[in-house]
Structure formats: C-alpha cells, structure tokens
Amino acid sequence: MFAYKNARGGSYLPLTATLFGYVLNICGVVTTRRRNIKLNFKQLSVNLNALSGEISGFWENFQDDKYAVRPTNAGSYCVFDIGGNAGFFSILQIIIHRDKLRLFTFEPDPEVFSRTCQNIDWCNQERNACISKNNFALSSAKGSAGFVRNGSCLSHISSCQPGDSKHFDVPTDTLDNFVLANKIELIDLIKIDVEGHELEVLKGATQNALPITDKIVLQYHPGQFDAVRQLLEASGFVHTGGNERKDTAFFSKLPK
C-alpha cells in the first residue's frame, strides 16, 4: 500500500494503485465481498463504502480544492460541515487548524454517519480539535424528511417510497435552532453540499446563523443559484467567486 505523501500541495501519484483498483471494483471489473474498505495515507486513514462514490470527496477536497477557503484569522476557527458524507472536508479542516478548530459536522444517513465518525476520529488523534458530530439533516423546519440512499455519493433528501429500503425518513432541524441551542456566537465558515437541498438549509438559517457567519462555500444544483444568491445577498453576503464547472460558489459577509 503506497502512502499519501502530503495533504496540502503534495504529489497524488502514490494513490494511483489504490484508486485504480477502487474504480475497477465500482465498475464491476474487480469485485470484493468486503463492502467497507480502509485506505491508509500518511496523515490519515479513511473508511469508505467500496460500492459507493465516497472517494470523490477525497478528490474534491485534496486534489481539486473544490471548497478551498483559507482562514482569515490566526485564532480559533469555527466551521460547519453540512453534508459531511465520508468526512473529507472535515478532515481537511482538522489537518489545517488542529486544536484551534471547533467543528460541527452533519450527515443524516446513519450508515454513512458511522464512517464519518470513524474517519474524523482517526484524523483527530493528537490534533485535538473540538468536534460535534450530528446524525440529522439541516433543513427549513424541524421535523422529518424522506431520504434516498443512492449507490453513489449523491444520497439526498427526497420523497419516500414505502417499502424501498433505500428510502427512509431522517430527522431534520434548522441551523437557526442549532446555533441558538448550542449558544454559538461566531461561525467562520459554513460548507454546504446537500445535493439539491441547499436552499432549504439556508432558509432555516436566516434568523440566527447567517448573521454570525463570515464565509459560505456551497455546491448548488441547476436552477437554484439565483435563489441562493438572492437569499444570501439579503442576509448581507456578496458572491465572491466559485467554480461554475463544478457548481461551487463562495460568499463572504460584506464589511459593516
């Protein structure tokens, strides 16, 4: 097993052998009876579902720099990871900020959440970040919502189909409620990747969460960007860039 050389700015060629076998397994060229696999890199270990697309989170965060937002202060750093998936964005924040980090991660799928917790805990050994892991969905209201588990990294909130094991209900709450309940006074960064539910997440954040937030990076789905931008501009944010090819946008709070 080759080692991952450098989590920031290093070569990614050492991963080639592992990832090539991983892709072959997904395509059915190579099969394994082990659904969960563990990949060991130099700075972290991760547990993944070999039958899903969870490895894409590695490329998005460590190779493509899809959610690249650099810290604006040298002190403590509060980050919300909404749509945690296998935990790669959270892992990146832990590596960068270590014991200065206060991290809140949200992943509603119980199966994926268990891997998220393992991956974050492995990475946080000796780094000592303060972490809150939450197994529910953030939305525009407290209650429950249908959730569909796809055979990829694209699981998402959806309408439930009775009797289908890939469709089930998950609890929901608003970011406003969470911020108030946990007495959070400042959020440096919110990352949102919720496969089309981003506008509902933001609708539940306008009263308490967005007023105390400095930066937001999110993945948006076709037809939603204008509504997302309008909501955030009404909350005092300005669109500062992004990657249209990857449907990613960055927003920063306007200086007062």
Foldseek 3Di string as FASTA:
>chain_A
DFAQDDQAPDDRVSCVVVVVVLVCCLVVVDHDPDQWDWDHHPQFIAIDGSQAALCVLSCCVRPVVQVDDDDPDDAAAEEEEALCQLNSVVLVCCVVNQQSYEYEYEAQDPVRLVRNVVRNVRNNVVSNHHYHYYHAHEFQAWDKFKWFADSYSQTATDHADPPDPRIDITTYHAPQVVCVVVVPQAHAEYEEEHNARVLRNLNRQLPHHLLRYFKYKYAHDPPCPVVVQVSSVVSQKDWDDHDVVRRMTMIGHDDD
